[in-house]
Structures are given as structure tokens and as C-alpha cells.
Amino acid sequence: MLLASPVGLLSLALLAPSSQAAEPSPPDACETASPQLVLKAEPPETPPVVCISPDVPLTLRFDTPLRPGSVRMEERERFVDVSVGQRGVTLTPPEKLKAGERFQVEVCFADDAAPACARFLLLAHPALGLSQVKVFREPRPVASIQEGEKAARAEAQQCQQEVRQLREERGAPEGLRGVLASGLLVEGRIGFKNLTDSVTEAKGSALVMSQARSYRAEGRVAVEVWLRNPGTRPWTAAGAVLRGPKGEVLKPLPLWQPEPIPPADAVAEEQQPGHRVVVEVLASEVEARGTYTLTLWDAEQQRTVTLGNITFP
């Protein structure tokens, strides 16, 4: 009897009927937050949201000078560091940051243009914190408009690519026929790498990793992890992100998790190696190189899993 290889199992898992996969959660504010903000002359009733995460310093960069001494922050003493320059504010979020926490920041500008001041809402997220946000006051310079349009076009192209990919997969046959129809196999091979002994686990992770593997196929990469749940409640991944060494973020396609991960006390000994979660990202041959950190979170964003030293074949 032939034994199924890890690559074959993953291929079949990714092409399994969608009814087995967990329903994707609706996007939260941090998944749709923009790294560019435009301030109108009349301040909005609700300040724009800027997402922050532990260990991800944030720089608010403005197109006009700030008034000296005008920066005010809620609970400023909790932040590891806050530095104010002529045209920017750089802050390092608290190490003990609870998802969903909110902090208001206000800055005022040195000139007489409107708006004279601006407020921002810093929203804590386990992994989708931004490293830089550019802030413009209308009217915007031509160069900044072109830069914003370029970023918007790139984001739209990525969304269109993901939509096309998902449509193709939904129309593909199952099993080995689906693997061949998908075009994932290049010269009959999917790159495979065992990460179990090299992956690092962040202190405070809600779950414990028992195995990890990474894969590279035509136009995409994937991480497959087996997790054990030492808690008292089942755990289901609601979101994930891969963050690179320079802060670059790779957002995955919808996660694949066959079932919620039950507490360890409720699992038979033969199932103790854990339950798996598969994270897949569209990436070309030259992309997703280097070392990444994978962060997973549940719907409440309170029980997170952070795995470092993720590499791809």
C-alpha cells in the first residue's frame, strides 16, 4: 500500500470541497485600513483608524510641518517610545497590547491652513499594524496623488488576481484531477520543506505547534502547521498574516482549517500531534524569499499564535 506524501496530502487538502473549510470572517477595520490618509478642511466626526501591533513601530508622516509641542496622546506613558519630528511622529506600541485597545492621537500644524489639527484613532491588532502612514492635507501635491493612484492600482490588481484564482479553484475538479487542472505542478513537483525543528514560537502564544511545513508551487506558497490547544475552549483561526524582515506584509487567501482545534483534554492520545491550519499566499518565484513571521488569530483577536523563522523552499 502506497503511503501519501506530505505534498500530496496538502494538494488534496487545498482542493477539497469548500464545505470542509471554515467560513471566512468579515474583514475588520485593520484589513481595510489604508497606509495613506487625506485630511479634509472639515474634520470628520470619527477620526481615521490607524492600526498598531506589538513590536511594529509606527511612523505618521505628514506633508506639512507640525506645531512644536502640539502632539497629544492618550496613555502616552504606556508606549515604549514616542519621538516627534518636524513632519512626523514615530511611536513604538506597548509590548503588552490587548487586541481592540484604542488610543487617540492629536497633532496640530504649524501653518494657518485647514484643518489646523487632526485626530487619529490607534487600534490594536495582533498582526496587521502598519509601519508607516502618510498623511496629506488637501490640496495634495501632484506627486502624492500619483503615488496614491499607483498604490491603489497595485491593490486593485492584487484583488483581481485573487478573485480570478478563487473562481478557477471553485470550478476545478477534485482530487488528483484538481491538482493537474490547477496547474500547480511544475515539472511534476511541488517544493516542500520541513520546518518543525527550525520554527520559533513566541512567548504567550495561545496554542502550541507540533509540526510545520512549507510549500512552493507555481505562483504561490503555503504554510501548513499542526497546533495543540492547551486552553479550555476550542480555537478557530479567523485571520493570518506573514510579515517579512523589512516589515512587508503578505496577506493570505482564505484559510483552510478542517475543524476547530479542541482543548487538549478533549483529544485522544493518538490525536495529540495536533490539528492543522493551512495558510496560502499568492507569490511569484522571486517573492516570499527570506525569513517570515506567521501570526494567526481567532475571531476575538485575543488568542493569537506567532511562529517565527518561516522560510519557503
C-alpha atoms as a PDB file:
ATOM      1  CA  MET A   1       0.000   0.000   0.000  1.00  0.00           C
ATOM      2  CA  LEU A   2       1.449   3.374  -1.010  1.00  0.00           C
ATOM      3  CA  LEU A   3       1.826   5.994   1.709  1.00  0.00           C
ATOM      4  CA  ALA A   4       0.631   9.510   0.862  1.00  0.00           C
ATOM      5  CA  SER A   5       3.395  12.122   0.859  1.00  0.00           C
ATOM      6  CA  PRO A   6       3.051  15.455   2.731  1.00  0.00           C
ATOM      7  CA  VAL A   7       2.932  17.240  -0.634  1.00  0.00           C
ATOM      8  CA  GLY A   8       0.156  15.024  -1.915  1.00  0.00           C
ATOM      9  CA  LEU A   9      -1.848  15.464   1.268  1.00  0.00           C
ATOM     10  CA  LEU A  10      -1.538  19.239   1.084  1.00  0.00           C
ATOM     11  CA  SER A  11      -2.517  19.322  -2.577  1.00  0.00           C
ATOM     12  CA  LEU A  12      -5.626  17.314  -1.852  1.00  0.00           C
ATOM     13  CA  ALA A  13      -6.412  19.468   1.178  1.00  0.00           C
ATOM     14  CA  LEU A  14      -6.212  22.710  -0.775  1.00  0.00           C
ATOM     15  CA  LEU A  15      -8.532  21.292  -3.419  1.00  0.00           C
ATOM     16  CA  ALA A  16     -11.003  19.673  -1.019  1.00  0.00           C
ATOM     17  CA  PRO A  17     -14.658  20.760  -1.239  1.00  0.00           C
ATOM     18  CA  SER A  18     -15.200  24.198   0.229  1.00  0.00           C
ATOM     19  CA  SER A  19     -17.811  22.835   2.662  1.00  0.00           C
ATOM     20  CA  GLN A  20     -14.978  21.458   4.806  1.00  0.00           C
ATOM     21  CA  ALA A  21     -13.306  24.834   5.213  1.00  0.00           C
ATOM     22  CA  ALA A  22     -14.173  27.296   7.922  1.00  0.00           C
ATOM     23  CA  GLU A  23     -16.290  30.230   6.770  1.00  0.00           C
ATOM     24  CA  PRO A  24     -14.107  33.349   6.360  1.00  0.00           C
ATOM     25  CA  SER A  25     -14.757  36.121   8.843  1.00  0.00           C
ATOM     26  CA  PRO A  26     -15.838  39.517   7.514  1.00  0.00           C
ATOM     27  CA  PRO A  27     -12.906  41.934   7.112  1.00  0.00           C
ATOM     28  CA  ASP A  28     -12.191  44.086  10.138  1.00  0.00           C
ATOM     29  CA  ALA A  29     -11.037  47.716  10.182  1.00  0.00           C
ATOM     30  CA  CYS A  30      -7.369  46.740  10.081  1.00  0.00           C
ATOM     31  CA  GLU A  31      -7.757  44.555   6.991  1.00  0.00           C
ATOM     32  CA  THR A  32      -9.132  47.518   5.040  1.00  0.00           C
ATOM     33  CA  ALA A  33      -7.017  50.301   6.604  1.00  0.00           C
ATOM     34  CA  SER A  34      -5.043  52.413   4.122  1.00  0.00           C
ATOM     35  CA  PRO A  35      -1.384  53.478   4.524  1.00  0.00           C
ATOM     36  CA  GLN A  36      -2.354  56.870   3.083  1.00  0.00           C
ATOM     37  CA  LEU A  37      -4.837  59.315   4.609  1.00  0.00           C
ATOM     38  CA  VAL A  38      -6.216  62.597   3.258  1.00  0.00           C
ATOM     39  CA  LEU A  39      -7.390  65.247   5.729  1.00  0.00           C
ATOM     40  CA  LYS A  40     -10.248  67.483   4.580  1.00  0.00           C
ATOM     41  CA  ALA A  41     -10.693  71.057   5.795  1.00  0.00           C
ATOM     42  CA  GLU A  42     -13.688  69.976   7.899  1.00  0.00           C
ATOM     43  CA  PRO A  43     -12.567  67.309  10.403  1.00  0.00           C
ATOM     44  CA  PRO A  44     -14.639  64.083  10.311  1.00  0.00           C
ATOM     45  CA  GLU A  45     -16.891  63.126  13.210  1.00  0.00           C
ATOM     46  CA  THR A  46     -14.990  59.847  13.579  1.00  0.00           C
ATOM     47  CA  PRO A  47     -11.184  60.034  13.427  1.00  0.00           C
ATOM     48  CA  PRO A  48      -9.477  57.780  10.854  1.00  0.00           C
ATOM     49  CA  VAL A  49      -8.262  54.407  12.123  1.00  0.00           C
ATOM     50  CA  VAL A  50      -4.553  53.560  12.165  1.00  0.00           C
ATOM     51  CA  CYS A  51      -3.756  50.016  13.260  1.00  0.00           C
ATOM     52  CA  ILE A  52      -0.851  49.175  15.550  1.00  0.00           C
ATOM     53  CA  SER A  53       0.703  45.889  16.685  1.00  0.00           C
ATOM     54  CA  PRO A  54       3.289  44.956  19.321  1.00  0.00           C
ATOM     55  CA  ASP A  55       6.905  45.129  18.091  1.00  0.00           C
ATOM     56  CA  VAL A  56       5.894  47.091  14.952  1.00  0.00           C
ATOM     57  CA  PRO A  57       6.982  50.765  15.273  1.00  0.00           C
ATOM     58  CA  LEU A  58       4.633  53.181  13.506  1.00  0.00           C
ATOM     59  CA  THR A  59       5.537  56.445  11.798  1.00  0.00           C
ATOM     60  CA  LEU A  60       2.869  59.021  10.994  1.00  0.00           C
ATOM     61  CA  ARG A  61       4.438  61.110   8.215  1.00  0.00           C
ATOM     62  CA  PHE A  62       2.844  64.459   7.308  1.00  0.00           C
ATOM     63  CA  ASP A  63       3.222  66.636   4.203  1.00  0.00           C
ATOM     64  CA  THR A  64       3.436  69.850   6.295  1.00  0.00           C
ATOM     65  CA  PRO A  65       5.395  70.769   9.457  1.00  0.00           C
ATOM     66  CA  LEU A  66       3.890  70.162  12.893  1.00  0.00           C
ATOM     67  CA  ARG A  67       3.488  72.849  15.534  1.00  0.00           C
ATOM     68  CA  PRO A  68       6.122  72.261  18.234  1.00  0.00           C
ATOM     69  CA  GLY A  69       4.674  70.737  21.399  1.00  0.00           C
ATOM     70  CA  SER A  70       1.261  70.088  19.835  1.00  0.00           C
ATOM     71  CA  VAL A  71       1.278  66.270  19.846  1.00  0.00           C
ATOM     72  CA  ARG A  72      -1.044  64.756  22.437  1.00  0.00           C
ATOM     73  CA  MET A  73      -1.576  61.020  23.063  1.00  0.00           C
ATOM     74  CA  GLU A  74      -3.813  59.003  25.325  1.00  0.00           C
ATOM     75  CA  GLU A  75      -1.827  56.823  27.747  1.00  0.00           C
ATOM     76  CA  ARG A  76       1.441  58.023  26.255  1.00  0.00           C
ATOM     77  CA  GLU A  77       3.303  56.570  29.223  1.00  0.00           C
ATOM     78  CA  ARG A  78       2.386  53.030  28.113  1.00  0.00           C
ATOM     79  CA  PHE A  79       4.219  53.334  24.801  1.00  0.00           C
ATOM     80  CA  VAL A  80       7.788  52.090  24.670  1.00  0.00           C
ATOM     81  CA  ASP A  81       8.936  55.201  22.816  1.00  0.00           C
ATOM     82  CA  VAL A  82       7.406  58.305  21.198  1.00  0.00           C
ATOM     83  CA  SER A  83       9.552  60.552  19.009  1.00  0.00           C
ATOM     84  CA  VAL A  84       8.266  63.769  17.428  1.00  0.00           C
ATOM     85  CA  GLY A  85       9.999  65.357  14.454  1.00  0.00           C
ATOM     86  CA  GLN A  86       9.229  68.340  12.280  1.00  0.00           C
ATOM     87  CA  ARG A  87       6.980  66.360   9.939  1.00  0.00           C
ATOM     88  CA  GLY A  88       6.372  63.088  11.686  1.00  0.00           C
ATOM     89  CA  VAL A  89       5.596  61.117  14.831  1.00  0.00           C
ATOM     90  CA  THR A  90       7.213  57.721  15.438  1.00  0.00           C
ATOM     91  CA  LEU A  91       5.889  55.533  18.216  1.00  0.00           C
ATOM     92  CA  THR A  92       6.613  52.036  19.473  1.00  0.00           C
ATOM     93  CA  PRO A  93       3.416  50.374  20.793  1.00  0.00           C
ATOM     94  CA  PRO A  94       3.289  48.776  24.237  1.00  0.00           C
ATOM     95  CA  GLU A  95       4.644  45.236  24.461  1.00  0.00           C
ATOM     96  CA  LYS A  96       1.552  44.165  26.386  1.00  0.00           C
ATOM     97  CA  LEU A  97      -1.052  45.343  23.913  1.00  0.00           C
ATOM     98  CA  LYS A  98      -4.536  43.847  24.001  1.00  0.00           C
ATOM     99  CA  ALA A  99      -6.331  43.485  20.663  1.00  0.00           C
ATOM    100  CA  GLY A 100      -9.065  46.073  20.309  1.00  0.00           C
ATOM    101  CA  GLU A 101      -7.469  48.659  22.603  1.00  0.00           C
ATOM    102  CA  ARG A 102      -7.841  52.231  21.361  1.00  0.00           C
ATOM    103  CA  PHE A 103      -5.669  55.319  21.807  1.00  0.00           C
ATOM    104  CA  GLN A 104      -6.382  58.778  20.433  1.00  0.00           C
ATOM    105  CA  VAL A 105      -3.601  60.920  18.994  1.00  0.00           C
ATOM    106  CA  GLU A 106      -3.903  64.603  18.103  1.00  0.00           C
ATOM    107  CA  VAL A 107      -1.430  66.725  16.171  1.00  0.00           C
ATOM    108  CA  CYS A 108      -1.582  70.381  15.121  1.00  0.00           C
ATOM    109  CA  PHE A 109       0.104  72.001  12.148  1.00  0.00           C
ATOM    110  CA  ALA A 110       2.484  74.943  12.086  1.00  0.00           C
ATOM    111  CA  ASP A 111       0.827  76.867   9.229  1.00  0.00           C
ATOM    112  CA  ASP A 112      -2.591  78.543   9.041  1.00  0.00           C
ATOM    113  CA  ALA A 113      -4.162  76.087   6.568  1.00  0.00           C
ATOM    114  CA  ALA A 114      -7.172  73.952   7.414  1.00  0.00           C
ATOM    115  CA  PRO A 115      -7.535  71.675   9.207  1.00  0.00           C
ATOM    116  CA  ALA A 116      -5.475  73.253  11.959  1.00  0.00           C
ATOM    117  CA  CYS A 117      -5.314  69.966  13.878  1.00  0.00           C
ATOM    118  CA  ALA A 118      -6.063  66.315  13.213  1.00  0.00           C
ATOM    119  CA  ARG A 119      -7.043  63.353  15.375  1.00  0.00           C
ATOM    120  CA  PHE A 120      -6.306  59.661  14.758  1.00  0.00           C
ATOM    121  CA  LEU A 121      -7.544  56.509  16.443  1.00  0.00           C
ATOM    122  CA  LEU A 122      -4.815  53.940  17.085  1.00  0.00           C
ATOM    123  CA  LEU A 123      -6.452  50.498  17.057  1.00  0.00           C
ATOM    124  CA  ALA A 124      -4.556  47.499  18.425  1.00  0.00           C
ATOM    125  CA  HIS A 125      -4.420  44.366  16.255  1.00  0.00           C
ATOM    126  CA  PRO A 126      -2.396  41.161  16.809  1.00  0.00           C
ATOM    127  CA  ALA A 127      -0.509  41.427  13.497  1.00  0.00           C
ATOM    128  CA  LEU A 128      -1.907  43.936  10.985  1.00  0.00           C
ATOM    129  CA  GLY A 129      -0.250  47.015  12.472  1.00  0.00           C
ATOM    130  CA  LEU A 130       1.119  49.463   9.892  1.00  0.00           C
ATOM    131  CA  SER A 131       4.736  50.586   9.961  1.00  0.00           C
ATOM    132  CA  GLN A 132       4.126  53.883   8.122  1.00  0.00           C
ATOM    133  CA  VAL A 133       1.113  56.041   7.303  1.00  0.00           C
ATOM    134  CA  LYS A 134       1.407  59.086   5.050  1.00  0.00           C
ATOM    135  CA  VAL A 135      -0.984  61.910   5.876  1.00  0.00           C
ATOM    136  CA  PHE A 136      -1.885  64.661   3.380  1.00  0.00           C
ATOM    137  CA  ARG A 137      -3.966  67.808   3.731  1.00  0.00           C
ATOM    138  CA  GLU A 138      -5.973  68.935   0.727  1.00  0.00           C
ATOM    139  CA  PRO A 139      -4.961  70.122  -1.779  1.00  0.00           C
ATOM    140  CA  ARG A 140      -2.424  67.348  -2.311  1.00  0.00           C
ATOM    141  CA  PRO A 141       0.729  67.717  -4.396  1.00  0.00           C
ATOM    142  CA  VAL A 142       0.628  66.077  -7.832  1.00  0.00           C
ATOM    143  CA  ALA A 143       3.420  63.668  -6.846  1.00  0.00           C
ATOM    144  CA  SER A 144       1.484  62.412  -3.816  1.00  0.00           C
ATOM    145  CA  ILE A 145      -1.683  61.943  -5.893  1.00  0.00           C
ATOM    146  CA  GLN A 146       0.236  59.875  -8.420  1.00  0.00           C
ATOM    147  CA  GLU A 147       1.765  57.824  -5.621  1.00  0.00           C
ATOM    148  CA  GLY A 148      -1.675  57.158  -4.135  1.00  0.00           C
ATOM    149  CA  GLU A 149      -3.104  56.174  -7.513  1.00  0.00           C
ATOM    150  CA  LYS A 150      -0.189  53.809  -8.104  1.00  0.00           C
ATOM    151  CA  ALA A 151      -0.745  52.128  -4.728  1.00  0.00           C
ATOM    152  CA  ALA A 152      -4.496  51.862  -5.390  1.00  0.00           C
ATOM    153  CA  ARG A 153      -3.908  50.274  -8.806  1.00  0.00           C
ATOM    154  CA  ALA A 154      -1.487  47.737  -7.308  1.00  0.00           C
ATOM    155  CA  GLU A 155      -4.002  46.821  -4.595  1.00  0.00           C
ATOM    156  CA  ALA A 156      -6.808  46.502  -7.162  1.00  0.00           C
ATOM    157  CA  GLN A 157      -4.664  44.245  -9.356  1.00  0.00           C
ATOM    158  CA  GLN A 158      -3.884  42.006  -6.386  1.00  0.00           C
ATOM    159  CA  CYS A 159      -7.591  41.753  -5.525  1.00  0.00           C
ATOM    160  CA  GLN A 160      -8.467  40.916  -9.131  1.00  0.00           C
ATOM    161  CA  GLN A 161      -5.781  38.245  -9.218  1.00  0.00           C
ATOM    162  CA  GLU A 162      -7.095  36.684  -6.011  1.00  0.00           C
ATOM    163  CA  VAL A 163     -10.684  36.746  -7.319  1.00  0.00           C
ATOM    164  CA  ARG A 164      -9.636  35.058 -10.578  1.00  0.00           C
ATOM    165  CA  GLN A 165      -7.677  32.434  -8.633  1.00  0.00           C
ATOM    166  CA  LEU A 166     -10.598  31.662  -6.347  1.00  0.00           C
ATOM    167  CA  ARG A 167     -13.003  31.380  -9.272  1.00  0.00           C
ATOM    168  CA  GLU A 168     -10.661  28.998 -11.062  1.00  0.00           C
ATOM    169  CA  GLU A 169     -10.319  26.826  -7.971  1.00  0.00           C
ATOM    170  CA  ARG A 170     -14.083  26.679  -7.339  1.00  0.00           C
ATOM    171  CA  GLY A 171     -14.570  25.401 -10.899  1.00  0.00           C
ATOM    172  CA  ALA A 172     -11.771  22.829 -10.752  1.00  0.00           C
ATOM    173  CA  PRO A 173     -12.376  19.080 -10.300  1.00  0.00           C
ATOM    174  CA  GLU A 174     -11.457  17.380  -7.041  1.00  0.00           C
ATOM    175  CA  GLY A 175      -8.650  15.017  -6.037  1.00  0.00           C
ATOM    176  CA  LEU A 176      -5.712  14.357  -8.361  1.00  0.00           C
ATOM    177  CA  ARG A 177      -7.717  15.690 -11.307  1.00  0.00           C
ATOM    178  CA  GLY A 178      -7.937  19.017  -9.477  1.00  0.00           C
ATOM    179  CA  VAL A 179      -4.197  19.098  -8.805  1.00  0.00           C
ATOM    180  CA  LEU A 180      -3.491  18.630 -12.515  1.00  0.00           C
ATOM    181  CA  ALA A 181      -6.212  21.051 -13.617  1.00  0.00           C
ATOM    182  CA  SER A 182      -4.974  23.776 -11.281  1.00  0.00           C
ATOM    183  CA  GLY A 183      -1.552  23.979 -12.947  1.00  0.00           C
ATOM    184  CA  LEU A 184       0.184  23.943  -9.567  1.00  0.00           C
ATOM    185  CA  LEU A 185       2.538  21.153 -10.555  1.00  0.00           C
ATOM    186  CA  VAL A 186       5.634  22.425 -12.344  1.00  0.00           C
ATOM    187  CA  GLU A 187       7.606  19.590 -13.971  1.00  0.00           C
ATOM    188  CA  GLY A 188       5.673  17.228 -11.700  1.00  0.00           C
ATOM    189  CA  ARG A 189       6.992  18.764  -8.464  1.00  0.00           C
ATOM    190  CA  ILE A 190       5.837  20.932  -5.561  1.00  0.00           C
ATOM    191  CA  GLY A 191       8.652  22.289  -3.397  1.00  0.00           C
ATOM    192  CA  PHE A 192       8.454  21.000   0.186  1.00  0.00           C
ATOM    193  CA  LYS A 193      10.345  21.979   3.343  1.00  0.00           C
ATOM    194  CA  ASN A 194      10.071  20.578   6.878  1.00  0.00           C
ATOM    195  CA  LEU A 195      10.137  23.488   9.357  1.00  0.00           C
ATOM    196  CA  THR A 196       9.334  21.585  12.539  1.00  0.00           C
ATOM    197  CA  ASP A 197      12.812  21.883  14.058  1.00  0.00           C
ATOM    198  CA  SER A 198      13.522  25.440  12.913  1.00  0.00           C
ATOM    199  CA  VAL A 199      10.323  27.375  13.632  1.00  0.00           C
ATOM    200  CA  THR A 200      10.336  29.500  16.790  1.00  0.00           C
ATOM    201  CA  GLU A 201       7.277  30.076  18.977  1.00  0.00           C
ATOM    202  CA  ALA A 202       6.636  33.477  20.529  1.00  0.00           C
ATOM    203  CA  LYS A 203       6.138  33.660  24.255  1.00  0.00           C
ATOM    204  CA  GLY A 204       2.459  33.956  25.110  1.00  0.00           C
ATOM    205  CA  SER A 205       1.105  32.126  22.048  1.00  0.00           C
ATOM    206  CA  ALA A 206      -2.302  30.628  22.785  1.00  0.00           C
ATOM    207  CA  LEU A 207      -1.552  27.320  21.034  1.00  0.00           C
ATOM    208  CA  VAL A 208       1.483  25.046  20.818  1.00  0.00           C
ATOM    209  CA  MET A 209       2.987  23.979  17.499  1.00  0.00           C
ATOM    210  CA  SER A 210       3.826  20.327  16.991  1.00  0.00           C
ATOM    211  CA  GLN A 211       4.688  20.254  13.269  1.00  0.00           C
ATOM    212  CA  ALA A 212       5.218  22.773  10.474  1.00  0.00           C
ATOM    213  CA  ARG A 213       5.877  22.512   6.752  1.00  0.00           C
ATOM    214  CA  SER A 214       6.148  24.998   3.906  1.00  0.00           C
ATOM    215  CA  TYR A 215       5.487  24.569   0.204  1.00  0.00           C
ATOM    216  CA  ARG A 216       6.096  26.427  -3.045  1.00  0.00           C
ATOM    217  CA  ALA A 217       4.187  25.777  -6.260  1.00  0.00           C
ATOM    218  CA  GLU A 218       3.604  27.757  -9.423  1.00  0.00           C
ATOM    219  CA  GLY A 219       2.583  31.272  -8.362  1.00  0.00           C
ATOM    220  CA  ARG A 220       2.016  30.551  -4.667  1.00  0.00           C
ATOM    221  CA  VAL A 221       3.434  29.436  -1.340  1.00  0.00           C
ATOM    222  CA  ALA A 222       1.792  27.784   1.662  1.00  0.00           C
ATOM    223  CA  VAL A 223       2.479  27.054   5.318  1.00  0.00           C
ATOM    224  CA  GLU A 224       0.917  24.017   6.997  1.00  0.00           C
ATOM    225  CA  VAL A 225       1.042  23.902  10.791  1.00  0.00           C
ATOM    226  CA  TRP A 226      -0.232  21.390  13.338  1.00  0.00           C
ATOM    227  CA  LEU A 227      -1.334  23.005  16.595  1.00  0.00           C
ATOM    228  CA  ARG A 228      -2.305  21.747  20.033  1.00  0.00           C
ATOM    229  CA  ASN A 229      -4.703  23.701  22.207  1.00  0.00           C
ATOM    230  CA  PRO A 230      -3.745  23.809  25.906  1.00  0.00           C
ATOM    231  CA  GLY A 231      -6.724  26.047  26.702  1.00  0.00           C
ATOM    232  CA  THR A 232     -10.236  25.190  27.769  1.00  0.00           C
ATOM    233  CA  ARG A 233     -12.159  26.374  24.681  1.00  0.00           C
ATOM    234  CA  PRO A 234     -11.989  25.294  21.016  1.00  0.00           C
ATOM    235  CA  TRP A 235      -9.916  27.541  18.752  1.00  0.00           C
ATOM    236  CA  THR A 236     -10.616  28.548  15.138  1.00  0.00           C
ATOM    237  CA  ALA A 237      -8.328  30.731  13.055  1.00  0.00           C
ATOM    238  CA  ALA A 238     -10.116  33.851  11.786  1.00  0.00           C
ATOM    239  CA  GLY A 239      -7.159  35.548  10.123  1.00  0.00           C
ATOM    240  CA  ALA A 240      -3.459  35.316   9.382  1.00  0.00           C
ATOM    241  CA  VAL A 241      -0.576  37.378   8.074  1.00  0.00           C
ATOM    242  CA  LEU A 242       3.024  36.729   7.064  1.00  0.00           C
ATOM    243  CA  ARG A 243       5.367  39.604   7.939  1.00  0.00           C
ATOM    244  CA  GLY A 244       8.801  39.813   6.350  1.00  0.00           C
ATOM    245  CA  PRO A 245      12.119  41.011   7.786  1.00  0.00           C
ATOM    246  CA  LYS A 246      11.572  44.573   6.480  1.00  0.00           C
ATOM    247  CA  GLY A 247       8.011  44.785   7.733  1.00  0.00           C
ATOM    248  CA  GLU A 248       6.435  43.764   4.433  1.00  0.00           C
ATOM    249  CA  VAL A 249       3.083  42.045   4.820  1.00  0.00           C
ATOM    250  CA  LEU A 250       1.750  39.114   2.786  1.00  0.00           C
ATOM    251  CA  LYS A 251      -1.999  38.624   3.228  1.00  0.00           C
ATOM    252  CA  PRO A 252      -3.190  35.089   2.509  1.00  0.00           C
ATOM    253  CA  LEU A 253      -6.067  33.628   0.580  1.00  0.00           C
ATOM    254  CA  PRO A 254      -8.915  32.301   2.770  1.00  0.00           C
ATOM    255  CA  LEU A 255      -7.513  29.970   5.418  1.00  0.00           C
ATOM    256  CA  TRP A 256      -8.142  26.233   5.336  1.00  0.00           C
ATOM    257  CA  GLN A 257      -8.878  24.625   8.699  1.00  0.00           C
ATOM    258  CA  PRO A 258     -10.831  21.348   8.635  1.00  0.00           C
ATOM    259  CA  GLU A 259     -12.356  21.872  12.069  1.00  0.00           C
ATOM    260  CA  PRO A 260     -11.949  23.904  15.283  1.00  0.00           C
ATOM    261  CA  ILE A 261      -8.987  22.812  17.398  1.00  0.00           C
ATOM    262  CA  PRO A 262     -10.416  21.288  20.607  1.00  0.00           C
ATOM    263  CA  PRO A 263      -8.800  21.631  24.033  1.00  0.00           C
ATOM    264  CA  ALA A 264      -6.024  19.094  24.623  1.00  0.00           C
ATOM    265  CA  ASP A 265      -8.001  17.461  27.443  1.00  0.00           C
ATOM    266  CA  ALA A 266     -10.753  16.578  24.972  1.00  0.00           C
ATOM    267  CA  VAL A 267      -8.430  14.945  22.420  1.00  0.00           C
ATOM    268  CA  ALA A 268      -7.499  11.275  22.436  1.00  0.00           C
ATOM    269  CA  GLU A 269      -3.811  10.426  22.826  1.00  0.00           C
ATOM    270  CA  GLU A 270      -3.496   9.235  19.221  1.00  0.00           C
ATOM    271  CA  GLN A 271      -4.578  12.733  18.074  1.00  0.00           C
ATOM    272  CA  GLN A 272      -2.180  14.611  20.328  1.00  0.00           C
ATOM    273  CA  PRO A 273       0.166  15.707  17.461  1.00  0.00           C
ATOM    274  CA  GLY A 274      -2.427  18.396  16.796  1.00  0.00           C
ATOM    275  CA  HIS A 275      -4.847  19.747  14.236  1.00  0.00           C
ATOM    276  CA  ARG A 276      -3.738  21.563  11.126  1.00  0.00           C
ATOM    277  CA  VAL A 277      -4.224  25.004   9.643  1.00  0.00           C
ATOM    278  CA  VAL A 278      -3.098  25.851   6.099  1.00  0.00           C
ATOM    279  CA  VAL A 279      -2.132  29.404   5.112  1.00  0.00           C
ATOM    280  CA  GLU A 280      -1.671  30.061   1.394  1.00  0.00           C
ATOM    281  CA  VAL A 281      -0.329  33.206  -0.320  1.00  0.00           C
ATOM    282  CA  LEU A 282      -0.109  34.146  -3.985  1.00  0.00           C
ATOM    283  CA  ALA A 283       3.590  34.783  -4.688  1.00  0.00           C
ATOM    284  CA  SER A 284       5.859  34.538  -7.727  1.00  0.00           C
ATOM    285  CA  GLU A 285       9.161  32.643  -7.853  1.00  0.00           C
ATOM    286  CA  VAL A 286      11.151  35.705  -6.684  1.00  0.00           C
ATOM    287  CA  GLU A 287       8.666  36.676  -3.978  1.00  0.00           C
ATOM    288  CA  ALA A 288       8.354  35.270  -0.463  1.00  0.00           C
ATOM    289  CA  ARG A 289      12.096  34.852  -0.158  1.00  0.00           C
ATOM    290  CA  GLY A 290      13.792  35.311   3.194  1.00  0.00           C
ATOM    291  CA  THR A 291      12.508  34.700   6.703  1.00  0.00           C
ATOM    292  CA  TYR A 292       8.919  35.453   7.724  1.00  0.00           C
ATOM    293  CA  THR A 293       6.821  35.530  10.877  1.00  0.00           C
ATOM    294  CA  LEU A 294       3.378  33.924  10.759  1.00  0.00           C
ATOM    295  CA  THR A 295       0.678  35.259  13.061  1.00  0.00           C
ATOM    296  CA  LEU A 296      -2.747  33.637  13.421  1.00  0.00           C
ATOM    297  CA  TRP A 297      -5.657  34.968  15.470  1.00  0.00           C
ATOM    298  CA  ASP A 298      -9.175  33.951  16.417  1.00  0.00           C
ATOM    299  CA  ALA A 299     -12.392  35.911  15.896  1.00  0.00           C
ATOM    300  CA  GLU A 300     -11.944  37.827  19.169  1.00  0.00           C
ATOM    301  CA  GLN A 301      -8.262  38.550  18.332  1.00  0.00           C
ATOM    302  CA  GLN A 302      -7.393  37.632  21.919  1.00  0.00           C
ATOM    303  CA  ARG A 303      -5.870  34.158  21.417  1.00  0.00           C
ATOM    304  CA  THR A 304      -3.047  34.514  18.918  1.00  0.00           C
ATOM    305  CA  VAL A 305      -0.311  32.221  17.625  1.00  0.00           C
ATOM    306  CA  THR A 306       3.015  33.682  16.447  1.00  0.00           C
ATOM    307  CA  LEU A 307       5.588  31.482  14.698  1.00  0.00           C
ATOM    308  CA  GLY A 308       8.942  32.853  13.593  1.00  0.00           C
ATOM    309  CA  ASN A 309      11.668  31.708  11.184  1.00  0.00           C
ATOM    310  CA  ILE A 310       9.220  30.676   8.464  1.00  0.00           C
ATOM    311  CA  THR A 311      11.002  30.043   5.150  1.00  0.00           C
ATOM    312  CA  PHE A 312       9.922  28.563   1.832  1.00  0.00           C
ATOM    313  CA  PRO A 313      11.657  26.072  -0.472  1.00  0.00           C
END
